[in-house]
């Protein structure tokens, strides 16, 4: 099995929406209850993913020609995100443990360096936090956001890139519990 990472295109939006909902429903089930996953997944619409592709650097991982995961990186301030913010990291449940998240985060880091960014930040779900830690991120603080009346706890994390220096505070979509790898 080889993982191929490529830039996302708007036509990927339906696959990205479906994949993120599957990851939330299956992979995040051990960390979030049904109501929490329902409100989180409800935000993962095709239109939302079209917007992500248009305004952030979204990369897609394919395994055997099928979309297996994706990640997004803000290269400039947009929609409440700060430059260097990894707003999404999702891996399809059937592709977990196969290096998909590692390949996506390596590509995101490469893009960040290419854009002259010195650090990365994210708001990781409980499921994704260990994945980010293995990629060199450190936990900054645990935070709770309220989405449609449901409280979701996540971990703000940061990583200084070699030769870079830490940037500002991570922004984050209001009420978004990102990153379910």
N, C-alpha and C. Protein backbone atom coordinates (compact mmCIF):
# COMPACT_ATOMS: atom_id res chain seq x y z
N UNK A 1 0.83 -1.16 0.00
CA UNK A 1 0.00 0.00 0.00
C UNK A 1 0.89 1.24 0.00
N UNK A 2 0.63 2.13 -0.96
CA UNK A 2 1.37 3.39 -0.94
C UNK A 2 0.39 4.54 -0.83
N UNK A 3 0.80 5.54 -0.06
CA UNK A 3 -0.01 6.73 0.15
C UNK A 3 0.50 7.81 -0.79
N UNK A 4 -0.41 8.36 -1.59
CA UNK A 4 -0.08 9.45 -2.51
C UNK A 4 -0.82 10.68 -2.02
N UNK A 5 -0.08 11.76 -1.78
CA UNK A 5 -0.69 13.01 -1.32
C UNK A 5 -0.67 14.02 -2.45
N UNK A 6 -1.81 14.66 -2.66
CA UNK A 6 -1.95 15.65 -3.74
C UNK A 6 -2.79 16.82 -3.25
N UNK A 7 -2.70 17.96 -3.95
CA UNK A 7 -3.58 19.07 -3.58
C UNK A 7 -5.04 18.71 -3.84
N UNK A 8 -5.93 19.18 -2.99
CA UNK A 8 -7.36 18.96 -3.20
C UNK A 8 -7.87 19.91 -4.27
N UNK A 9 -8.94 19.49 -4.92
CA UNK A 9 -9.66 20.33 -5.87
C UNK A 9 -11.11 20.40 -5.39
N UNK A 10 -11.83 21.41 -5.85
CA UNK A 10 -13.21 21.61 -5.41
C UNK A 10 -14.05 20.35 -5.64
N UNK A 11 -13.77 19.62 -6.71
CA UNK A 11 -14.53 18.40 -7.00
C UNK A 11 -14.35 17.32 -5.93
N UNK A 12 -13.35 17.46 -5.06
CA UNK A 12 -13.15 16.51 -3.96
C UNK A 12 -14.12 16.73 -2.81
N UNK A 13 -14.80 17.87 -2.78
CA UNK A 13 -15.63 18.25 -1.62
C UNK A 13 -16.61 17.16 -1.18
N UNK A 14 -17.36 16.52 -2.08
CA UNK A 14 -18.28 15.47 -1.60
C UNK A 14 -17.55 14.32 -0.89
N UNK A 15 -16.42 13.90 -1.43
CA UNK A 15 -15.66 12.81 -0.80
C UNK A 15 -15.09 13.24 0.54
N UNK A 16 -14.64 14.49 0.64
CA UNK A 16 -14.08 14.99 1.90
C UNK A 16 -15.16 15.09 2.97
N UNK A 17 -16.33 15.55 2.59
CA UNK A 17 -17.44 15.65 3.54
C UNK A 17 -17.82 14.26 4.06
N UNK A 18 -17.96 13.31 3.16
CA UNK A 18 -18.34 11.95 3.56
C UNK A 18 -17.26 11.32 4.44
N UNK A 19 -16.00 11.50 4.07
CA UNK A 19 -14.90 10.93 4.84
C UNK A 19 -14.86 11.53 6.24
N UNK A 20 -15.00 12.85 6.35
CA UNK A 20 -14.93 13.47 7.68
C UNK A 20 -16.08 13.00 8.57
N UNK A 21 -17.27 12.86 7.99
CA UNK A 21 -18.40 12.36 8.79
C UNK A 21 -18.16 10.92 9.24
N UNK A 22 -17.61 10.09 8.37
CA UNK A 22 -17.31 8.70 8.75
C UNK A 22 -16.27 8.67 9.86
N UNK A 23 -15.25 9.50 9.76
CA UNK A 23 -14.21 9.53 10.79
C UNK A 23 -14.79 9.97 12.13
N UNK A 24 -15.66 10.97 12.10
CA UNK A 24 -16.28 11.44 13.34
C UNK A 24 -17.16 10.35 13.95
N UNK A 25 -17.99 9.74 13.13
CA UNK A 25 -18.93 8.73 13.63
C UNK A 25 -18.23 7.48 14.14
N UNK A 26 -17.19 7.04 13.47
CA UNK A 26 -16.54 5.78 13.83
C UNK A 26 -15.31 6.00 14.71
N UNK A 27 -14.34 6.74 14.20
CA UNK A 27 -13.06 6.88 14.90
C UNK A 27 -13.17 7.69 16.19
N UNK A 28 -14.07 8.65 16.24
CA UNK A 28 -14.19 9.50 17.43
C UNK A 28 -15.18 8.95 18.46
N UNK A 29 -15.80 7.80 18.17
CA UNK A 29 -16.85 7.26 19.04
C UNK A 29 -16.35 6.95 20.45
N UNK A 30 -15.11 6.59 20.60
CA UNK A 30 -14.58 6.27 21.93
C UNK A 30 -14.33 7.52 22.77
N UNK A 31 -14.36 8.69 22.14
CA UNK A 31 -14.00 9.93 22.84
C UNK A 31 -15.14 10.93 22.98
N UNK A 32 -16.16 10.80 22.14
CA UNK A 32 -17.28 11.74 22.13
C UNK A 32 -18.58 10.96 22.06
N UNK A 33 -19.62 11.42 22.75
CA UNK A 33 -20.89 10.70 22.75
C UNK A 33 -21.68 10.97 21.46
N UNK A 34 -22.81 10.27 21.32
CA UNK A 34 -23.62 10.39 20.10
C UNK A 34 -24.03 11.82 19.80
N UNK A 35 -24.50 12.55 20.79
CA UNK A 35 -24.95 13.93 20.57
C UNK A 35 -23.80 14.82 20.15
N UNK A 36 -22.64 14.66 20.76
CA UNK A 36 -21.47 15.46 20.39
C UNK A 36 -21.05 15.16 18.95
N UNK A 37 -21.01 13.89 18.60
CA UNK A 37 -20.61 13.52 17.24
C UNK A 37 -21.63 14.00 16.22
N UNK A 38 -22.89 13.98 16.59
CA UNK A 38 -23.95 14.42 15.67
C UNK A 38 -23.78 15.90 15.31
N UNK A 39 -23.58 16.77 16.32
CA UNK A 39 -23.44 18.20 16.01
C UNK A 39 -22.13 18.50 15.30
N UNK A 40 -21.09 17.75 15.63
CA UNK A 40 -19.79 17.93 14.97
C UNK A 40 -19.92 17.52 13.50
N UNK A 41 -20.49 16.35 13.25
CA UNK A 41 -20.62 15.85 11.88
C UNK A 41 -21.56 16.71 11.04
N UNK A 42 -22.56 17.32 11.66
CA UNK A 42 -23.52 18.14 10.91
C UNK A 42 -22.84 19.32 10.21
N UNK A 43 -21.71 19.76 10.73
CA UNK A 43 -20.97 20.87 10.12
C UNK A 43 -20.12 20.43 8.93
N UNK A 44 -20.00 19.16 8.72
CA UNK A 44 -19.12 18.63 7.67
C UNK A 44 -19.91 18.50 6.36
N UNK A 45 -20.34 19.61 5.82
CA UNK A 45 -21.15 19.62 4.60
C UNK A 45 -20.27 19.72 3.36
N UNK A 46 -20.85 19.38 2.23
CA UNK A 46 -20.12 19.52 0.96
C UNK A 46 -19.75 20.98 0.75
N UNK A 47 -20.69 21.88 1.01
CA UNK A 47 -20.40 23.32 0.82
C UNK A 47 -19.26 23.78 1.73
N UNK A 48 -19.25 23.33 2.96
CA UNK A 48 -18.15 23.71 3.87
C UNK A 48 -16.82 23.24 3.33
N UNK A 49 -16.79 22.04 2.76
CA UNK A 49 -15.53 21.52 2.23
C UNK A 49 -15.13 22.23 0.94
N UNK A 50 -16.09 22.65 0.15
CA UNK A 50 -15.75 23.48 -1.02
C UNK A 50 -15.04 24.75 -0.56
N UNK A 51 -15.60 25.36 0.48
CA UNK A 51 -15.01 26.60 1.01
C UNK A 51 -13.60 26.34 1.53
N UNK A 52 -13.39 25.25 2.27
CA UNK A 52 -12.05 24.93 2.77
C UNK A 52 -11.06 24.83 1.61
N UNK A 53 -11.45 24.15 0.54
CA UNK A 53 -10.56 23.98 -0.61
C UNK A 53 -10.25 25.33 -1.25
N UNK A 54 -11.22 26.22 -1.26
CA UNK A 54 -11.03 27.53 -1.88
C UNK A 54 -10.14 28.46 -1.05
N UNK A 55 -10.19 28.37 0.28
CA UNK A 55 -9.51 29.39 1.10
C UNK A 55 -8.33 28.87 1.93
N UNK A 56 -8.13 27.56 1.99
CA UNK A 56 -6.97 27.01 2.70
C UNK A 56 -6.25 26.03 1.78
N UNK A 57 -5.07 25.62 2.20
CA UNK A 57 -4.31 24.62 1.45
C UNK A 57 -4.77 23.25 1.93
N UNK A 58 -5.63 22.61 1.16
CA UNK A 58 -6.13 21.28 1.52
C UNK A 58 -5.36 20.25 0.70
N UNK A 59 -4.87 19.22 1.38
CA UNK A 59 -4.20 18.12 0.70
C UNK A 59 -4.97 16.84 0.97
N UNK A 60 -4.98 15.98 -0.03
CA UNK A 60 -5.73 14.72 0.01
C UNK A 60 -4.75 13.57 -0.08
N UNK A 61 -4.96 12.55 0.74
CA UNK A 61 -4.17 11.32 0.66
C UNK A 61 -5.02 10.26 -0.02
N UNK A 62 -4.42 9.62 -1.01
CA UNK A 62 -5.09 8.52 -1.70
C UNK A 62 -4.32 7.23 -1.46
N UNK A 63 -5.07 6.16 -1.29
CA UNK A 63 -4.51 4.82 -1.19
C UNK A 63 -5.21 4.00 -2.25
N UNK A 64 -4.46 3.43 -3.16
CA UNK A 64 -5.02 2.65 -4.27
C UNK A 64 -6.08 3.44 -5.03
N UNK A 65 -5.83 4.74 -5.21
CA UNK A 65 -6.72 5.59 -6.00
C UNK A 65 -7.95 6.10 -5.28
N UNK A 66 -8.15 5.70 -4.03
CA UNK A 66 -9.32 6.14 -3.26
C UNK A 66 -8.89 7.15 -2.20
N UNK A 67 -9.73 8.15 -1.97
CA UNK A 67 -9.44 9.15 -0.94
C UNK A 67 -9.45 8.47 0.43
N UNK A 68 -8.32 8.57 1.14
CA UNK A 68 -8.18 7.91 2.44
C UNK A 68 -8.06 8.91 3.59
N UNK A 69 -7.82 10.17 3.26
CA UNK A 69 -7.68 11.18 4.30
C UNK A 69 -7.41 12.54 3.69
N UNK A 70 -7.47 13.56 4.53
CA UNK A 70 -7.15 14.91 4.07
C UNK A 70 -6.78 15.79 5.25
N UNK A 71 -6.11 16.89 4.95
CA UNK A 71 -5.74 17.88 5.96
C UNK A 71 -5.82 19.25 5.32
N UNK A 72 -6.03 20.27 6.16
CA UNK A 72 -6.05 21.64 5.64
C UNK A 72 -5.15 22.52 6.49
N UNK A 73 -4.53 23.49 5.83
CA UNK A 73 -3.60 24.42 6.45
C UNK A 73 -3.94 25.83 6.02
N UNK A 74 -4.10 26.72 6.97
CA UNK A 74 -4.30 28.14 6.65
C UNK A 74 -2.93 28.75 6.37
N UNK A 75 -2.79 29.38 5.21
CA UNK A 75 -1.54 30.04 4.86
C UNK A 75 -1.60 31.53 5.15
N UNK A 76 -2.80 32.03 5.38
CA UNK A 76 -3.02 33.44 5.70
C UNK A 76 -4.25 33.52 6.60
N UNK A 77 -4.47 34.66 7.25
CA UNK A 77 -5.67 34.77 8.09
C UNK A 77 -6.93 34.65 7.23
N UNK A 78 -7.81 33.72 7.60
CA UNK A 78 -9.05 33.53 6.86
C UNK A 78 -10.07 32.83 7.75
N UNK A 79 -11.29 33.29 7.74
CA UNK A 79 -12.39 32.63 8.47
C UNK A 79 -12.04 32.30 9.92
N UNK A 80 -11.33 33.19 10.60
CA UNK A 80 -10.98 32.97 12.00
C UNK A 80 -9.75 32.11 12.22
N UNK A 81 -9.12 31.67 11.14
CA UNK A 81 -7.90 30.86 11.25
C UNK A 81 -6.68 31.77 11.18
N UNK A 82 -5.59 31.33 11.78
CA UNK A 82 -4.33 32.06 11.72
C UNK A 82 -3.37 31.33 10.78
N UNK A 83 -2.41 32.04 10.19
CA UNK A 83 -1.42 31.36 9.35
C UNK A 83 -0.72 30.25 10.14
N UNK A 84 -0.64 29.09 9.54
CA UNK A 84 -0.02 27.94 10.20
C UNK A 84 -0.99 27.06 10.95
N UNK A 85 -2.27 27.38 10.89
CA UNK A 85 -3.26 26.58 11.61
C UNK A 85 -3.69 25.37 10.78
N UNK A 86 -3.48 24.19 11.34
CA UNK A 86 -3.96 22.95 10.74
C UNK A 86 -5.39 22.79 11.25
N UNK A 87 -6.34 23.15 10.39
CA UNK A 87 -7.73 23.20 10.82
C UNK A 87 -8.41 21.84 10.73
N UNK A 88 -7.90 20.98 9.89
CA UNK A 88 -8.53 19.66 9.71
C UNK A 88 -7.46 18.60 9.49
N UNK A 89 -7.67 17.44 10.06
CA UNK A 89 -6.90 16.24 9.75
C UNK A 89 -7.86 15.09 9.97
N UNK A 90 -8.30 14.48 8.88
CA UNK A 90 -9.24 13.37 8.96
C UNK A 90 -8.70 12.20 8.15
N UNK A 91 -8.82 11.01 8.71
CA UNK A 91 -8.44 9.77 8.02
C UNK A 91 -9.65 8.84 8.07
N UNK A 92 -9.95 8.23 6.93
CA UNK A 92 -11.08 7.30 6.89
C UNK A 92 -10.81 6.16 7.88
N UNK A 93 -11.83 5.71 8.60
CA UNK A 93 -11.63 4.64 9.58
C UNK A 93 -10.96 3.39 9.01
N UNK A 94 -11.21 3.07 7.77
CA UNK A 94 -10.61 1.87 7.17
C UNK A 94 -9.13 2.06 6.84
N UNK A 95 -8.64 3.30 6.90
CA UNK A 95 -7.25 3.59 6.55
C UNK A 95 -6.40 3.94 7.76
N UNK A 96 -6.97 3.87 8.95
CA UNK A 96 -6.23 4.21 10.16
C UNK A 96 -5.05 3.29 10.40
N UNK A 97 -3.98 3.84 10.95
CA UNK A 97 -2.80 3.04 11.29
C UNK A 97 -1.94 2.65 10.11
N UNK A 98 -2.15 3.29 8.97
CA UNK A 98 -1.39 2.93 7.75
C UNK A 98 -0.47 4.05 7.27
N UNK A 99 -0.25 5.05 8.10
CA UNK A 99 0.65 6.14 7.73
C UNK A 99 0.01 7.27 6.96
N UNK A 100 -1.32 7.25 6.84
CA UNK A 100 -2.01 8.31 6.08
C UNK A 100 -1.87 9.65 6.79
N UNK A 101 -2.16 9.70 8.09
CA UNK A 101 -2.04 10.96 8.83
C UNK A 101 -0.60 11.45 8.83
N UNK A 102 0.35 10.56 8.99
CA UNK A 102 1.77 10.93 8.97
C UNK A 102 2.14 11.57 7.64
N UNK A 103 1.68 10.98 6.53
CA UNK A 103 1.98 11.53 5.20
C UNK A 103 1.32 12.89 5.01
N UNK A 104 0.09 13.03 5.49
CA UNK A 104 -0.61 14.32 5.37
C UNK A 104 0.10 15.40 6.18
N UNK A 105 0.47 15.09 7.42
CA UNK A 105 1.13 16.09 8.25
C UNK A 105 2.51 16.45 7.72
N UNK A 106 3.22 15.50 7.13
CA UNK A 106 4.52 15.82 6.51
C UNK A 106 4.33 16.79 5.35
N UNK A 107 3.28 16.58 4.56
CA UNK A 107 3.00 17.48 3.44
C UNK A 107 2.58 18.85 3.93
N UNK A 108 1.75 18.89 4.97
CA UNK A 108 1.34 20.17 5.55
C UNK A 108 2.57 20.93 6.06
N UNK A 109 3.47 20.23 6.74
CA UNK A 109 4.69 20.88 7.23
C UNK A 109 5.51 21.44 6.07
N UNK A 110 5.64 20.67 5.02
CA UNK A 110 6.38 21.12 3.83
C UNK A 110 5.74 22.38 3.24
N UNK A 111 4.41 22.39 3.14
CA UNK A 111 3.70 23.57 2.62
C UNK A 111 3.92 24.78 3.53
N UNK A 112 3.87 24.56 4.84
CA UNK A 112 4.07 25.66 5.79
C UNK A 112 5.47 26.25 5.65
N UNK A 113 6.46 25.38 5.58
CA UNK A 113 7.84 25.86 5.40
C UNK A 113 7.97 26.63 4.09
N UNK A 114 7.37 26.10 3.03
CA UNK A 114 7.43 26.76 1.73
C UNK A 114 6.78 28.13 1.74
N UNK A 115 5.82 28.32 2.63
CA UNK A 115 5.14 29.61 2.76
C UNK A 115 5.85 30.53 3.75
N UNK A 116 6.96 30.06 4.32
CA UNK A 116 7.72 30.87 5.25
C UNK A 116 7.18 30.89 6.67
N UNK A 117 6.32 29.94 7.00
CA UNK A 117 5.75 29.89 8.35
C UNK A 117 6.72 29.22 9.31
N UNK A 118 6.79 29.72 10.53
CA UNK A 118 7.71 29.18 11.52
C UNK A 118 7.09 28.22 12.51
N UNK A 119 5.75 28.13 12.50
CA UNK A 119 5.10 27.24 13.45
C UNK A 119 3.76 26.77 12.91
N UNK A 120 3.28 25.70 13.51
CA UNK A 120 1.95 25.15 13.22
C UNK A 120 1.16 25.09 14.51
N UNK A 121 -0.15 25.28 14.41
CA UNK A 121 -1.04 25.16 15.56
C UNK A 121 -2.26 24.36 15.12
N UNK A 122 -2.95 23.76 16.08
CA UNK A 122 -4.19 23.05 15.78
C UNK A 122 -5.05 22.97 17.03
N UNK A 123 -6.30 22.65 16.83
CA UNK A 123 -7.24 22.32 17.91
C UNK A 123 -7.62 20.87 17.65
N UNK A 124 -6.95 19.95 18.31
CA UNK A 124 -7.11 18.53 18.01
C UNK A 124 -8.18 17.88 18.88
N UNK A 125 -8.93 16.99 18.26
CA UNK A 125 -9.86 16.17 19.03
C UNK A 125 -9.05 15.24 19.93
N UNK A 126 -9.74 14.65 20.92
CA UNK A 126 -9.05 13.68 21.77
C UNK A 126 -8.49 12.54 20.94
N UNK A 127 -9.19 12.16 19.89
CA UNK A 127 -8.73 11.06 19.03
C UNK A 127 -7.47 11.45 18.28
N UNK A 128 -7.38 12.70 17.82
CA UNK A 128 -6.27 13.13 16.97
C UNK A 128 -5.05 13.61 17.76
N UNK A 129 -5.21 14.00 19.01
CA UNK A 129 -4.09 14.57 19.77
C UNK A 129 -2.85 13.67 19.77
N UNK A 130 -2.96 12.35 20.00
CA UNK A 130 -1.76 11.52 19.96
C UNK A 130 -1.09 11.48 18.58
N UNK A 131 -1.89 11.60 17.53
CA UNK A 131 -1.34 11.63 16.16
C UNK A 131 -0.49 12.88 15.99
N UNK A 132 -1.00 14.01 16.44
CA UNK A 132 -0.24 15.26 16.36
C UNK A 132 1.01 15.19 17.24
N UNK A 133 0.91 14.58 18.41
CA UNK A 133 2.09 14.46 19.28
C UNK A 133 3.18 13.65 18.59
N UNK A 134 2.82 12.58 17.92
CA UNK A 134 3.83 11.78 17.21
C UNK A 134 4.47 12.57 16.08
N UNK A 135 3.79 13.62 15.61
CA UNK A 135 4.34 14.48 14.55
C UNK A 135 5.09 15.68 15.13
N UNK A 136 5.32 15.69 16.44
CA UNK A 136 6.12 16.73 17.05
C UNK A 136 5.36 17.89 17.66
N UNK A 137 4.04 17.84 17.67
CA UNK A 137 3.24 18.89 18.31
C UNK A 137 3.28 18.68 19.82
N UNK A 138 3.11 19.77 20.56
CA UNK A 138 3.00 19.68 22.01
C UNK A 138 1.65 20.22 22.44
N UNK A 139 1.15 19.66 23.52
CA UNK A 139 -0.14 20.13 24.07
C UNK A 139 0.07 21.47 24.75
N UNK A 140 -0.79 22.44 24.41
CA UNK A 140 -0.73 23.76 25.01
C UNK A 140 -1.78 23.89 26.09
N UNK A 141 -3.02 23.52 25.77
CA UNK A 141 -4.09 23.57 26.76
C UNK A 141 -5.29 22.78 26.27
N UNK A 142 -6.08 22.33 27.22
CA UNK A 142 -7.36 21.69 26.92
C UNK A 142 -8.40 22.80 26.90
N UNK A 143 -9.26 22.78 25.89
CA UNK A 143 -10.30 23.80 25.77
C UNK A 143 -11.62 23.13 25.45
N UNK A 144 -12.70 23.80 25.83
CA UNK A 144 -14.04 23.30 25.57
C UNK A 144 -14.79 24.34 24.76
N UNK A 145 -15.44 23.88 23.69
CA UNK A 145 -16.26 24.76 22.86
C UNK A 145 -17.68 24.21 22.89
N UNK A 146 -18.65 25.09 22.67
CA UNK A 146 -20.04 24.67 22.63
C UNK A 146 -20.54 24.77 21.20
N UNK A 147 -21.05 23.66 20.69
CA UNK A 147 -21.59 23.59 19.33
C UNK A 147 -23.04 23.16 19.45
N UNK A 148 -23.94 24.03 19.04
CA UNK A 148 -25.38 23.72 19.08
C UNK A 148 -25.79 23.09 20.42
N UNK A 149 -25.30 23.68 21.50
CA UNK A 149 -25.67 23.22 22.83
C UNK A 149 -24.87 22.06 23.38
N UNK A 150 -24.00 21.50 22.59
CA UNK A 150 -23.16 20.37 23.05
C UNK A 150 -21.74 20.85 23.30
N UNK A 151 -21.18 20.47 24.45
CA UNK A 151 -19.80 20.82 24.75
C UNK A 151 -18.86 19.78 24.17
N UNK A 152 -17.86 20.27 23.45
CA UNK A 152 -16.83 19.42 22.87
C UNK A 152 -15.48 19.85 23.43
N UNK A 153 -14.74 18.91 23.97
CA UNK A 153 -13.42 19.21 24.51
C UNK A 153 -12.38 18.83 23.47
N UNK A 154 -11.38 19.68 23.36
CA UNK A 154 -10.31 19.47 22.38
C UNK A 154 -9.00 19.96 22.99
N UNK A 155 -7.91 19.74 22.29
CA UNK A 155 -6.59 20.10 22.79
C UNK A 155 -5.95 21.09 21.83
N UNK A 156 -5.62 22.28 22.34
CA UNK A 156 -4.86 23.22 21.50
C UNK A 156 -3.42 22.76 21.54
N UNK A 157 -2.81 22.64 20.36
CA UNK A 157 -1.46 22.10 20.24
C UNK A 157 -0.65 23.01 19.32
N UNK A 158 0.67 22.95 19.47
CA UNK A 158 1.55 23.78 18.65
C UNK A 158 2.84 23.03 18.34
N UNK A 159 3.46 23.45 17.26
CA UNK A 159 4.75 22.88 16.88
C UNK A 159 5.58 23.97 16.23
N UNK A 160 6.77 24.20 16.75
CA UNK A 160 7.71 25.12 16.12
C UNK A 160 8.45 24.33 15.06
N UNK A 161 8.50 24.88 13.86
CA UNK A 161 9.22 24.22 12.77
C UNK A 161 10.70 24.53 12.90
N UNK A 162 11.56 23.60 12.50
CA UNK A 162 13.00 23.80 12.60
C UNK A 162 13.39 25.11 11.93
N UNK A 163 14.14 25.91 12.67
CA UNK A 163 14.57 27.20 12.13
C UNK A 163 13.53 28.29 12.28
N UNK A 164 12.34 27.93 12.77
CA UNK A 164 11.27 28.91 12.91
C UNK A 164 11.10 29.30 14.35
N UNK A 165 10.14 30.17 14.59
CA UNK A 165 9.80 30.53 15.96
C UNK A 165 8.30 30.49 16.10
N UNK A 166 7.85 30.30 17.30
CA UNK A 166 6.41 30.16 17.55
C UNK A 166 5.68 31.42 17.15
N UNK A 167 4.50 31.23 16.58
CA UNK A 167 3.67 32.35 16.17
C UNK A 167 2.67 32.70 17.25
N UNK A 168 1.54 33.30 16.82
CA UNK A 168 0.52 33.78 17.75
C UNK A 168 -0.42 32.68 18.19
N UNK A 169 -1.51 33.12 18.74
CA UNK A 169 -2.54 32.21 19.23
C UNK A 169 -3.24 31.52 18.07
N UNK A 170 -3.63 30.29 18.27
CA UNK A 170 -4.44 29.59 17.28
C UNK A 170 -5.84 30.15 17.32
N UNK A 171 -6.38 30.42 16.16
CA UNK A 171 -7.75 30.95 16.07
C UNK A 171 -8.75 29.83 16.18
N UNK A 172 -9.15 29.28 15.07
CA UNK A 172 -10.09 28.16 15.07
C UNK A 172 -11.49 28.59 14.75
N UNK A 173 -12.18 27.78 13.99
CA UNK A 173 -13.57 28.05 13.69
C UNK A 173 -14.35 28.01 14.99
N UNK A 174 -15.19 28.97 15.19
CA UNK A 174 -15.99 28.99 16.41
C UNK A 174 -16.79 27.70 16.50
N UNK A 175 -16.56 26.96 17.56
CA UNK A 175 -17.33 25.74 17.78
C UNK A 175 -16.85 24.54 16.99
N UNK A 176 -15.75 24.63 16.33
CA UNK A 176 -15.26 23.51 15.54
C UNK A 176 -14.30 22.67 16.37
N UNK A 177 -14.53 21.40 16.44
CA UNK A 177 -13.62 20.48 17.11
C UNK A 177 -12.88 19.73 16.02
N UNK A 178 -11.80 20.28 15.57
CA UNK A 178 -11.15 19.77 14.38
C UNK A 178 -10.39 18.49 14.62
N UNK A 179 -9.93 17.92 13.55
CA UNK A 179 -8.92 16.90 13.54
C UNK A 179 -9.32 15.58 14.17
N UNK A 180 -9.81 14.69 13.37
CA UNK A 180 -10.14 13.35 13.84
C UNK A 180 -9.37 12.36 13.00
N UNK A 181 -8.14 12.08 13.42
CA UNK A 181 -7.29 11.17 12.65
C UNK A 181 -7.34 9.79 13.23
